Amino acid sequence: MAVLSGIIRVMEKAARKAGGRLRRDFGEVEHLQVSRKGPADFVSKADMRAERIIYDELLQARPGWGFVLEEAGVIEGEPGMPRWVIDPLDGTSNFLHGIPHFAVSIAAQEPKPGGSCWGDVIAGVVYQPITDETFWAEKNRGAWLQDGRLRVSARGRLSDSLIATGIPFQGAGDPEQWMKIYSAIGPQVAGIRRFGAASLDMAWVAAGRFDGFWESGLSDWDTAAGCLLIREAGGFVSDFRGRSEPIHSGQVLAANDVLHSRLHKALVTALK
C-alpha cells in the first residue's frame, strides 16, 4: 500500500475539493441546455470556481510557490521556489454537453539551478470527479491509482493496441498534420479513441487502459501531470521528433518503450 507524501496529500485534497464542486455543477448543466448562452457561461464560471478553490488550497499549503493557471495565467512565486501547473477542468466540452469524462490536473515543477528556467515535474495528480479516481505520481516513487501501482501496457504489437488521440477543432491544432499521422497509424492498430480530455488520456496510458497516445497543440497544464504519470509507470513520453522534456505540450507521443518506437517510426514516416 502506497504511503502518500505531504505534497501528494496537499494536491489530492485540493483536487478533490475542486472536484466536489465540479460534480455539483455538472449536475446542473443539463438543465441549462435550453439557453443559448447559459451553458457555456455556466461552465466558464464552474472552471473559474474550481481554479480558485485549487489556488486557495495550494497557496495556503505552500506559500511562496508560483502558479501556472489555465484561467488566471502565470503568478510568479518567490525566487527558487517550485510552481504549480494546474488545469481545473480538462474536458470542458464534455462537461458542457453532459458527458461524464473530465478531470482536474495538478502538477508540481521544480526550477532548474539558477532559476532561469524550469526543470523536472516532481509530483502530479489527475482526479476524475465522476468516477472518484485519483491517479497520482511522484518522481522516483512510481505511479498509482488510489493505492494500486500503475504500469503501462506491455503490448508490443501495434495490431493489438488501442491508441488515444486528440482531434483538431475550431481552428486549434493542425488538421493536415493530424490526418497524415492518423492515416499512417490508424490502419496498423486495433483502434483509435478520442475522449476529449488529454490529462485523462495520459493517465489511462499510465494505467494500461490505452496503449499509446498522441496529440499536438496542447498546453503545459494539459500534460504536466500526465507526463510524470506515464514515465513513473514505466512508459516513454516525447515530442514528435523523439525529444524528451519535463513537460510536453506542443507535441506529445506516449507509450511503452516498444510501442513508442514503432509509433514514432510511423509518425516520422508520415510527416516526411
C-alpha atoms as a PDB file:
ATOM      1  CA  MET A   1       0.000   0.000   0.000  1.00  0.00           C
ATOM      2  CA  ALA A   2       1.366   3.402  -1.001  1.00  0.00           C
ATOM      3  CA  VAL A   3       2.070   5.966   1.687  1.00  0.00           C
ATOM      4  CA  LEU A   4       1.129   9.428   0.482  1.00  0.00           C
ATOM      5  CA  SER A   5       3.787  12.086   0.906  1.00  0.00           C
ATOM      6  CA  GLY A   6       2.950  15.551   2.150  1.00  0.00           C
ATOM      7  CA  ILE A   7       2.932  17.089  -1.327  1.00  0.00           C
ATOM      8  CA  ILE A   8       0.627  14.424  -2.766  1.00  0.00           C
ATOM      9  CA  ARG A   9      -1.757  14.828   0.180  1.00  0.00           C
ATOM     10  CA  VAL A  10      -1.883  18.573  -0.450  1.00  0.00           C
ATOM     11  CA  MET A  11      -2.516  18.092  -4.177  1.00  0.00           C
ATOM     12  CA  GLU A  12      -5.150  15.406  -3.712  1.00  0.00           C
ATOM     13  CA  LYS A  13      -7.001  17.484  -1.124  1.00  0.00           C
ATOM     14  CA  ALA A  14      -7.127  20.455  -3.499  1.00  0.00           C
ATOM     15  CA  ALA A  15      -8.169  18.291  -6.463  1.00  0.00           C
ATOM     16  CA  ARG A  16     -10.894  16.536  -4.503  1.00  0.00           C
ATOM     17  CA  LYS A  17     -12.266  19.789  -3.112  1.00  0.00           C
ATOM     18  CA  ALA A  18     -12.450  21.313  -6.593  1.00  0.00           C
ATOM     19  CA  GLY A  19     -13.805  18.023  -7.966  1.00  0.00           C
ATOM     20  CA  GLY A  20     -16.640  18.020  -5.467  1.00  0.00           C
ATOM     21  CA  ARG A  21     -17.681  21.451  -6.668  1.00  0.00           C
ATOM     22  CA  LEU A  22     -17.414  20.344 -10.309  1.00  0.00           C
ATOM     23  CA  ARG A  23     -19.619  17.322  -9.582  1.00  0.00           C
ATOM     24  CA  ARG A  24     -22.337  19.593  -8.210  1.00  0.00           C
ATOM     25  CA  ASP A  25     -22.032  21.982 -11.138  1.00  0.00           C
ATOM     26  CA  PHE A  26     -22.072  19.088 -13.611  1.00  0.00           C
ATOM     27  CA  GLY A  27     -25.433  18.043 -12.236  1.00  0.00           C
ATOM     28  CA  GLU A  28     -26.841  21.450 -13.186  1.00  0.00           C
ATOM     29  CA  VAL A  29     -25.551  21.632 -16.768  1.00  0.00           C
ATOM     30  CA  GLU A  30     -28.309  19.503 -18.304  1.00  0.00           C
ATOM     31  CA  HIS A  31     -30.924  21.956 -17.024  1.00  0.00           C
ATOM     32  CA  LEU A  32     -29.278  24.829 -18.903  1.00  0.00           C
ATOM     33  CA  GLN A  33     -29.288  23.368 -22.414  1.00  0.00           C
ATOM     34  CA  VAL A  34     -32.390  25.344 -23.411  1.00  0.00           C
ATOM     35  CA  SER A  35     -30.494  28.623 -23.029  1.00  0.00           C
ATOM     36  CA  ARG A  36     -28.404  29.941 -25.900  1.00  0.00           C
ATOM     37  CA  LYS A  37     -25.527  31.271 -23.803  1.00  0.00           C
ATOM     38  CA  GLY A  38     -26.397  29.787 -20.428  1.00  0.00           C
ATOM     39  CA  PRO A  39     -24.462  26.506 -20.596  1.00  0.00           C
ATOM     40  CA  ALA A  40     -21.177  27.923 -21.895  1.00  0.00           C
ATOM     41  CA  ASP A  41     -21.275  30.811 -19.441  1.00  0.00           C
ATOM     42  CA  PHE A  42     -22.103  28.445 -16.584  1.00  0.00           C
ATOM     43  CA  VAL A  43     -19.222  26.102 -17.468  1.00  0.00           C
ATOM     44  CA  SER A  44     -16.797  29.027 -17.691  1.00  0.00           C
ATOM     45  CA  LYS A  45     -17.804  30.062 -14.184  1.00  0.00           C
ATOM     46  CA  ALA A  46     -17.510  26.453 -12.977  1.00  0.00           C
ATOM     47  CA  ASP A  47     -13.989  26.344 -14.423  1.00  0.00           C
ATOM     48  CA  MET A  48     -13.008  29.561 -12.645  1.00  0.00           C
ATOM     49  CA  ARG A  49     -14.571  28.458  -9.348  1.00  0.00           C
ATOM     50  CA  ALA A  50     -12.640  25.198  -9.447  1.00  0.00           C
ATOM     51  CA  GLU A  51      -9.416  27.052 -10.237  1.00  0.00           C
ATOM     52  CA  ARG A  52      -9.956  29.429  -7.326  1.00  0.00           C
ATOM     53  CA  ILE A  53     -10.550  26.534  -4.935  1.00  0.00           C
ATOM     54  CA  ILE A  54      -7.312  24.860  -6.027  1.00  0.00           C
ATOM     55  CA  TYR A  55      -5.364  28.122  -5.884  1.00  0.00           C
ATOM     56  CA  ASP A  56      -6.544  28.934  -2.358  1.00  0.00           C
ATOM     57  CA  GLU A  57      -5.811  25.415  -1.077  1.00  0.00           C
ATOM     58  CA  LEU A  58      -2.324  25.240  -2.571  1.00  0.00           C
ATOM     59  CA  LEU A  59      -1.386  28.801  -1.622  1.00  0.00           C
ATOM     60  CA  GLN A  60      -2.281  28.076   1.982  1.00  0.00           C
ATOM     61  CA  ALA A  61      -0.334  24.814   1.977  1.00  0.00           C
ATOM     62  CA  ARG A  62       2.769  26.081   0.150  1.00  0.00           C
ATOM     63  CA  PRO A  63       3.143  29.866   0.489  1.00  0.00           C
ATOM     64  CA  GLY A  64       5.705  31.300  -1.882  1.00  0.00           C
ATOM     65  CA  TRP A  65       5.221  28.761  -4.664  1.00  0.00           C
ATOM     66  CA  GLY A  66       4.320  30.041  -8.121  1.00  0.00           C
ATOM     67  CA  PHE A  67       1.361  29.101 -10.316  1.00  0.00           C
ATOM     68  CA  VAL A  68       0.664  28.389 -13.978  1.00  0.00           C
ATOM     69  CA  LEU A  69      -3.115  28.562 -14.258  1.00  0.00           C
ATOM     70  CA  GLU A  70      -5.320  27.983 -17.286  1.00  0.00           C
ATOM     71  CA  GLU A  71      -7.621  30.886 -16.468  1.00  0.00           C
ATOM     72  CA  ALA A  72      -5.524  33.306 -14.394  1.00  0.00           C
ATOM     73  CA  GLY A  73      -2.208  32.802 -16.192  1.00  0.00           C
ATOM     74  CA  VAL A  74       1.240  32.826 -14.587  1.00  0.00           C
ATOM     75  CA  ILE A  75       1.648  34.003 -10.984  1.00  0.00           C
ATOM     76  CA  GLU A  76       5.288  34.238 -10.033  1.00  0.00           C
ATOM     77  CA  GLY A  77       6.416  32.707  -6.768  1.00  0.00           C
ATOM     78  CA  GLU A  78       9.416  33.501  -4.619  1.00  0.00           C
ATOM     79  CA  PRO A  79      12.820  33.017  -6.287  1.00  0.00           C
ATOM     80  CA  GLY A  80      13.992  29.413  -6.217  1.00  0.00           C
ATOM     81  CA  MET A  81      10.611  28.000  -5.232  1.00  0.00           C
ATOM     82  CA  PRO A  82       8.679  25.368  -7.250  1.00  0.00           C
ATOM     83  CA  ARG A  83       5.471  26.153  -9.077  1.00  0.00           C
ATOM     84  CA  TRP A  84       2.086  24.528  -9.571  1.00  0.00           C
ATOM     85  CA  VAL A  85       0.820  23.790 -13.100  1.00  0.00           C
ATOM     86  CA  ILE A  86      -2.969  23.496 -12.997  1.00  0.00           C
ATOM     87  CA  ASP A  87      -5.887  22.642 -15.254  1.00  0.00           C
ATOM     88  CA  PRO A  88      -9.006  22.938 -13.084  1.00  0.00           C
ATOM     89  CA  LEU A  89     -11.330  21.421 -15.695  1.00  0.00           C
ATOM     90  CA  ASP A  90      -9.811  19.375 -18.506  1.00  0.00           C
ATOM     91  CA  GLY A  91     -12.591  18.239 -20.824  1.00  0.00           C
ATOM     92  CA  THR A  92     -14.651  21.424 -20.854  1.00  0.00           C
ATOM     93  CA  SER A  93     -16.646  20.447 -23.948  1.00  0.00           C
ATOM     94  CA  ASN A  94     -17.539  17.100 -22.377  1.00  0.00           C
ATOM     95  CA  PHE A  95     -18.647  18.928 -19.227  1.00  0.00           C
ATOM     96  CA  LEU A  96     -20.717  21.379 -21.288  1.00  0.00           C
ATOM     97  CA  HIS A  97     -22.514  18.569 -23.130  1.00  0.00           C
ATOM     98  CA  GLY A  98     -23.214  16.479 -20.050  1.00  0.00           C
ATOM     99  CA  ILE A  99     -20.595  13.831 -20.883  1.00  0.00           C
ATOM    100  CA  PRO A 100     -19.086  12.488 -17.617  1.00  0.00           C
ATOM    101  CA  HIS A 101     -15.473  12.446 -18.767  1.00  0.00           C
ATOM    102  CA  PHE A 102     -13.390  15.315 -17.399  1.00  0.00           C
ATOM    103  CA  ALA A 103     -10.660  15.805 -14.825  1.00  0.00           C
ATOM    104  CA  VAL A 104      -8.709  18.089 -12.530  1.00  0.00           C
ATOM    105  CA  SER A 105      -4.962  18.087 -13.259  1.00  0.00           C
ATOM    106  CA  ILE A 106      -2.308  19.428 -10.867  1.00  0.00           C
ATOM    107  CA  ALA A 107       1.475  19.140 -11.177  1.00  0.00           C
ATOM    108  CA  ALA A 108       4.411  20.494  -9.182  1.00  0.00           C
ATOM    109  CA  GLN A 109       7.518  21.567 -11.106  1.00  0.00           C
ATOM    110  CA  GLU A 110      10.962  22.426  -9.758  1.00  0.00           C
ATOM    111  CA  PRO A 111      13.112  25.293 -11.026  1.00  0.00           C
ATOM    112  CA  LYS A 112      16.459  24.448 -12.560  1.00  0.00           C
ATOM    113  CA  PRO A 113      19.534  25.601 -10.634  1.00  0.00           C
ATOM    114  CA  GLY A 114      19.925  29.311 -11.169  1.00  0.00           C
ATOM    115  CA  GLY A 115      16.179  29.789 -11.541  1.00  0.00           C
ATOM    116  CA  SER A 116      16.270  30.935 -15.173  1.00  0.00           C
ATOM    117  CA  CYS A 117      14.062  28.084 -16.431  1.00  0.00           C
ATOM    118  CA  TRP A 118      12.039  25.120 -15.209  1.00  0.00           C
ATOM    119  CA  GLY A 119      13.104  21.539 -14.624  1.00  0.00           C
ATOM    120  CA  ASP A 120      11.532  18.271 -13.571  1.00  0.00           C
ATOM    121  CA  VAL A 121       7.931  17.708 -12.618  1.00  0.00           C
ATOM    122  CA  ILE A 122       8.212  16.186  -9.145  1.00  0.00           C
ATOM    123  CA  ALA A 123       4.571  15.302  -8.457  1.00  0.00           C
ATOM    124  CA  GLY A 124       1.315  15.035 -10.369  1.00  0.00           C
ATOM    125  CA  VAL A 125      -2.349  14.298  -9.691  1.00  0.00           C
ATOM    126  CA  VAL A 126      -5.160  13.710 -12.184  1.00  0.00           C
ATOM    127  CA  TYR A 127      -8.547  13.408 -10.468  1.00  0.00           C
ATOM    128  CA  GLN A 128     -11.719  12.225 -12.229  1.00  0.00           C
ATOM    129  CA  PRO A 129     -14.617  13.555 -10.116  1.00  0.00           C
ATOM    130  CA  ILE A 130     -17.357  11.364 -11.597  1.00  0.00           C
ATOM    131  CA  THR A 131     -15.569   8.033 -11.102  1.00  0.00           C
ATOM    132  CA  ASP A 132     -13.762   9.314  -7.972  1.00  0.00           C
ATOM    133  CA  GLU A 133     -10.411   8.077  -9.314  1.00  0.00           C
ATOM    134  CA  THR A 134      -7.161   9.705  -8.213  1.00  0.00           C
ATOM    135  CA  PHE A 135      -4.197   8.994 -10.481  1.00  0.00           C
ATOM    136  CA  TRP A 136      -1.005  10.236  -8.869  1.00  0.00           C
ATOM    137  CA  ALA A 137       2.737  10.034  -9.303  1.00  0.00           C
ATOM    138  CA  GLU A 138       5.812  11.306  -7.545  1.00  0.00           C
ATOM    139  CA  LYS A 139       9.296  11.456  -9.008  1.00  0.00           C
ATOM    140  CA  ASN A 140      11.147   8.182  -8.332  1.00  0.00           C
ATOM    141  CA  ARG A 141       8.181   6.783  -6.355  1.00  0.00           C
ATOM    142  CA  GLY A 142       6.095   5.324  -9.154  1.00  0.00           C
ATOM    143  CA  ALA A 143       2.592   5.982 -10.454  1.00  0.00           C
ATOM    144  CA  TRP A 144      -0.558   4.963  -8.638  1.00  0.00           C
ATOM    145  CA  LEU A 145      -4.343   4.782  -8.861  1.00  0.00           C
ATOM    146  CA  GLN A 146      -5.508   5.266  -5.293  1.00  0.00           C
ATOM    147  CA  ASP A 147      -3.166   2.774  -3.557  1.00  0.00           C
ATOM    148  CA  GLY A 148      -2.653   0.437  -6.540  1.00  0.00           C
ATOM    149  CA  ARG A 149       0.593   0.597  -8.512  1.00  0.00           C
ATOM    150  CA  LEU A 150       0.272   1.516 -12.187  1.00  0.00           C
ATOM    151  CA  ARG A 151       2.230   0.081 -15.098  1.00  0.00           C
ATOM    152  CA  VAL A 152       1.916   0.970 -18.762  1.00  0.00           C
ATOM    153  CA  SER A 153       0.611  -1.683 -21.119  1.00  0.00           C
ATOM    154  CA  ALA A 154       3.019  -4.482 -22.003  1.00  0.00           C
ATOM    155  CA  ARG A 155       1.656  -4.899 -25.528  1.00  0.00           C
ATOM    156  CA  GLY A 156       4.310  -4.834 -28.224  1.00  0.00           C
ATOM    157  CA  ARG A 157       2.310  -5.211 -31.424  1.00  0.00           C
ATOM    158  CA  LEU A 158       0.509  -2.264 -32.978  1.00  0.00           C
ATOM    159  CA  SER A 159      -2.188  -4.617 -34.244  1.00  0.00           C
ATOM    160  CA  ASP A 160      -3.202  -5.359 -30.645  1.00  0.00           C
ATOM    161  CA  SER A 161      -3.007  -1.765 -29.442  1.00  0.00           C
ATOM    162  CA  LEU A 162      -5.656   0.820 -28.588  1.00  0.00           C
ATOM    163  CA  ILE A 163      -4.339   4.340 -29.161  1.00  0.00           C
ATOM    164  CA  ALA A 164      -5.794   7.614 -27.906  1.00  0.00           C
ATOM    165  CA  THR A 165      -5.547  10.977 -29.617  1.00  0.00           C
ATOM    166  CA  GLY A 166      -6.982  14.461 -29.728  1.00  0.00           C
ATOM    167  CA  ILE A 167      -8.535  15.746 -32.941  1.00  0.00           C
ATOM    168  CA  PRO A 168      -8.019  19.398 -34.004  1.00  0.00           C
ATOM    169  CA  PHE A 169     -11.167  21.526 -33.665  1.00  0.00           C
ATOM    170  CA  GLN A 170     -12.316  25.129 -34.123  1.00  0.00           C
ATOM    171  CA  GLY A 171      -9.022  26.313 -35.544  1.00  0.00           C
ATOM    172  CA  ALA A 172      -6.917  24.649 -32.844  1.00  0.00           C
ATOM    173  CA  GLY A 173      -4.187  22.251 -33.907  1.00  0.00           C
ATOM    174  CA  ASP A 174      -3.070  21.197 -37.372  1.00  0.00           C
ATOM    175  CA  PRO A 175      -5.738  19.106 -39.174  1.00  0.00           C
ATOM    176  CA  GLU A 176      -3.472  18.298 -42.126  1.00  0.00           C
ATOM    177  CA  GLN A 177      -0.714  17.006 -39.855  1.00  0.00           C
ATOM    178  CA  TRP A 178      -3.210  15.015 -37.787  1.00  0.00           C
ATOM    179  CA  MET A 179      -4.653  13.355 -40.884  1.00  0.00           C
ATOM    180  CA  LYS A 180      -1.190  12.325 -42.068  1.00  0.00           C
ATOM    181  CA  ILE A 181      -0.443  10.722 -38.676  1.00  0.00           C
ATOM    182  CA  TYR A 182      -3.851   9.068 -38.470  1.00  0.00           C
ATOM    183  CA  SER A 183      -3.513   7.675 -41.981  1.00  0.00           C
ATOM    184  CA  ALA A 184      -0.190   6.105 -41.007  1.00  0.00           C
ATOM    185  CA  ILE A 185      -1.153   4.774 -37.573  1.00  0.00           C
ATOM    186  CA  GLY A 186      -4.882   4.036 -37.902  1.00  0.00           C
ATOM    187  CA  PRO A 187      -4.631   1.054 -40.290  1.00  0.00           C
ATOM    188  CA  GLN A 188      -1.976  -0.596 -38.109  1.00  0.00           C
ATOM    189  CA  VAL A 189      -3.733  -0.561 -34.720  1.00  0.00           C
ATOM    190  CA  ALA A 190      -6.729  -2.213 -33.070  1.00  0.00           C
ATOM    191  CA  GLY A 191      -8.486   1.103 -32.584  1.00  0.00           C
ATOM    192  CA  ILE A 192      -8.233   4.872 -32.187  1.00  0.00           C
ATOM    193  CA  ARG A 193     -10.101   6.706 -29.410  1.00  0.00           C
ATOM    194  CA  ARG A 194     -10.784  10.416 -28.928  1.00  0.00           C
ATOM    195  CA  PHE A 195     -12.342  11.031 -25.500  1.00  0.00           C
ATOM    196  CA  GLY A 196     -11.669  14.764 -25.166  1.00  0.00           C
ATOM    197  CA  ALA A 197      -9.551  15.140 -22.017  1.00  0.00           C
ATOM    198  CA  ALA A 198      -5.799  14.882 -22.563  1.00  0.00           C
ATOM    199  CA  SER A 199      -4.903  14.566 -18.876  1.00  0.00           C
ATOM    200  CA  LEU A 200      -7.173  11.515 -18.557  1.00  0.00           C
ATOM    201  CA  ASP A 201      -5.891  10.058 -21.835  1.00  0.00           C
ATOM    202  CA  MET A 202      -2.382  10.193 -20.403  1.00  0.00           C
ATOM    203  CA  ALA A 203      -3.468   8.841 -17.026  1.00  0.00           C
ATOM    204  CA  TRP A 204      -5.121   5.937 -18.849  1.00  0.00           C
ATOM    205  CA  VAL A 205      -1.889   5.257 -20.730  1.00  0.00           C
ATOM    206  CA  ALA A 206      -0.132   5.069 -17.352  1.00  0.00           C
ATOM    207  CA  ALA A 207      -2.844   2.670 -16.169  1.00  0.00           C
ATOM    208  CA  GLY A 208      -2.521   0.456 -19.254  1.00  0.00           C
ATOM    209  CA  ARG A 209      -6.076   1.195 -20.421  1.00  0.00           C
ATOM    210  CA  PHE A 210      -4.710   2.862 -23.540  1.00  0.00           C
ATOM    211  CA  ASP A 211      -1.543   1.521 -25.143  1.00  0.00           C
ATOM    212  CA  GLY A 212      -0.428   4.866 -26.540  1.00  0.00           C
ATOM    213  CA  PHE A 213      -1.357   8.493 -27.123  1.00  0.00           C
ATOM    214  CA  TRP A 214      -0.522  11.312 -29.495  1.00  0.00           C
ATOM    215  CA  GLU A 215      -1.697  14.891 -29.772  1.00  0.00           C
ATOM    216  CA  SER A 216      -0.381  18.348 -30.620  1.00  0.00           C
ATOM    217  CA  GLY A 217      -1.424  21.878 -29.761  1.00  0.00           C
ATOM    218  CA  LEU A 218      -1.912  21.256 -26.047  1.00  0.00           C
ATOM    219  CA  SER A 219      -0.810  23.477 -23.153  1.00  0.00           C
ATOM    220  CA  ASP A 220       1.507  22.743 -20.231  1.00  0.00           C
ATOM    221  CA  TRP A 221      -1.409  22.395 -17.820  1.00  0.00           C
ATOM    222  CA  ASP A 222      -2.969  19.695 -20.033  1.00  0.00           C
ATOM    223  CA  THR A 223       0.045  17.385 -19.871  1.00  0.00           C
ATOM    224  CA  ALA A 224       2.286  18.242 -16.905  1.00  0.00           C
ATOM    225  CA  ALA A 225       0.813  15.650 -14.542  1.00  0.00           C
ATOM    226  CA  GLY A 226       0.232  13.120 -17.324  1.00  0.00           C
ATOM    227  CA  CYS A 227       3.864  13.160 -18.477  1.00  0.00           C
ATOM    228  CA  LEU A 228       5.047  12.230 -14.984  1.00  0.00           C
ATOM    229  CA  LEU A 229       2.352   9.571 -14.572  1.00  0.00           C
ATOM    230  CA  ILE A 230       3.416   7.784 -17.757  1.00  0.00           C
ATOM    231  CA  ARG A 231       7.133   7.956 -17.006  1.00  0.00           C
ATOM    232  CA  GLU A 232       6.687   6.711 -13.443  1.00  0.00           C
ATOM    233  CA  ALA A 233       4.515   3.886 -14.794  1.00  0.00           C
ATOM    234  CA  GLY A 234       7.419   2.762 -16.989  1.00  0.00           C
ATOM    235  CA  GLY A 235       6.434   4.489 -20.224  1.00  0.00           C
ATOM    236  CA  PHE A 236       8.053   6.980 -22.586  1.00  0.00           C
ATOM    237  CA  VAL A 237       6.898  10.494 -23.475  1.00  0.00           C
ATOM    238  CA  SER A 238       8.451  12.600 -26.209  1.00  0.00           C
ATOM    239  CA  ASP A 239       7.665  15.144 -28.868  1.00  0.00           C
ATOM    240  CA  PHE A 240       7.230  14.050 -32.492  1.00  0.00           C
ATOM    241  CA  ARG A 241      10.997  14.238 -33.028  1.00  0.00           C
ATOM    242  CA  GLY A 242      11.642  11.872 -30.141  1.00  0.00           C
ATOM    243  CA  ARG A 243      12.997  14.508 -27.766  1.00  0.00           C
ATOM    244  CA  SER A 244      12.176  14.183 -24.075  1.00  0.00           C
ATOM    245  CA  GLU A 245      11.386  17.209 -21.890  1.00  0.00           C
ATOM    246  CA  PRO A 246       9.841  17.509 -18.386  1.00  0.00           C
ATOM    247  CA  ILE A 247       6.547  18.704 -19.911  1.00  0.00           C
ATOM    248  CA  HIS A 248       5.341  18.193 -23.474  1.00  0.00           C
ATOM    249  CA  SER A 249       2.570  20.392 -24.801  1.00  0.00           C
ATOM    250  CA  GLY A 250       3.121  21.330 -28.437  1.00  0.00           C
ATOM    251  CA  GLN A 251       3.596  17.674 -29.404  1.00  0.00           C
ATOM    252  CA  VAL A 252       3.060  14.546 -27.323  1.00  0.00           C
ATOM    253  CA  LEU A 253       3.756  10.913 -28.184  1.00  0.00           C
ATOM    254  CA  ALA A 254       3.475   8.385 -25.342  1.00  0.00           C
ATOM    255  CA  ALA A 255       3.525   4.592 -24.982  1.00  0.00           C
ATOM    256  CA  ASN A 256       5.672   1.789 -23.586  1.00  0.00           C
ATOM    257  CA  ASP A 257       9.212   1.534 -24.965  1.00  0.00           C
ATOM    258  CA  VAL A 258       8.434  -0.934 -27.778  1.00  0.00           C
ATOM    259  CA  LEU A 259       5.246   0.746 -28.977  1.00  0.00           C
ATOM    260  CA  HIS A 260       6.724   4.227 -28.642  1.00  0.00           C
ATOM    261  CA  SER A 261       9.481   3.221 -31.058  1.00  0.00           C
ATOM    262  CA  ARG A 262       7.005   1.767 -33.546  1.00  0.00           C
ATOM    263  CA  LEU A 263       4.563   4.662 -33.281  1.00  0.00           C
ATOM    264  CA  HIS A 264       7.407   7.147 -33.631  1.00  0.00           C
ATOM    265  CA  LYS A 265       8.668   5.411 -36.773  1.00  0.00           C
ATOM    266  CA  ALA A 266       5.172   5.520 -38.322  1.00  0.00           C
ATOM    267  CA  LEU A 267       4.712   9.146 -37.328  1.00  0.00           C
ATOM    268  CA  VAL A 268       8.085  10.293 -38.701  1.00  0.00           C
ATOM    269  CA  THR A 269       7.445   8.481 -41.975  1.00  0.00           C
ATOM    270  CA  ALA A 270       4.024  10.143 -42.239  1.00  0.00           C
ATOM    271  CA  LEU A 271       5.423  13.637 -41.696  1.00  0.00           C
ATOM    272  CA  LYS A 272       8.359  13.418 -44.136  1.00  0.00           C
END
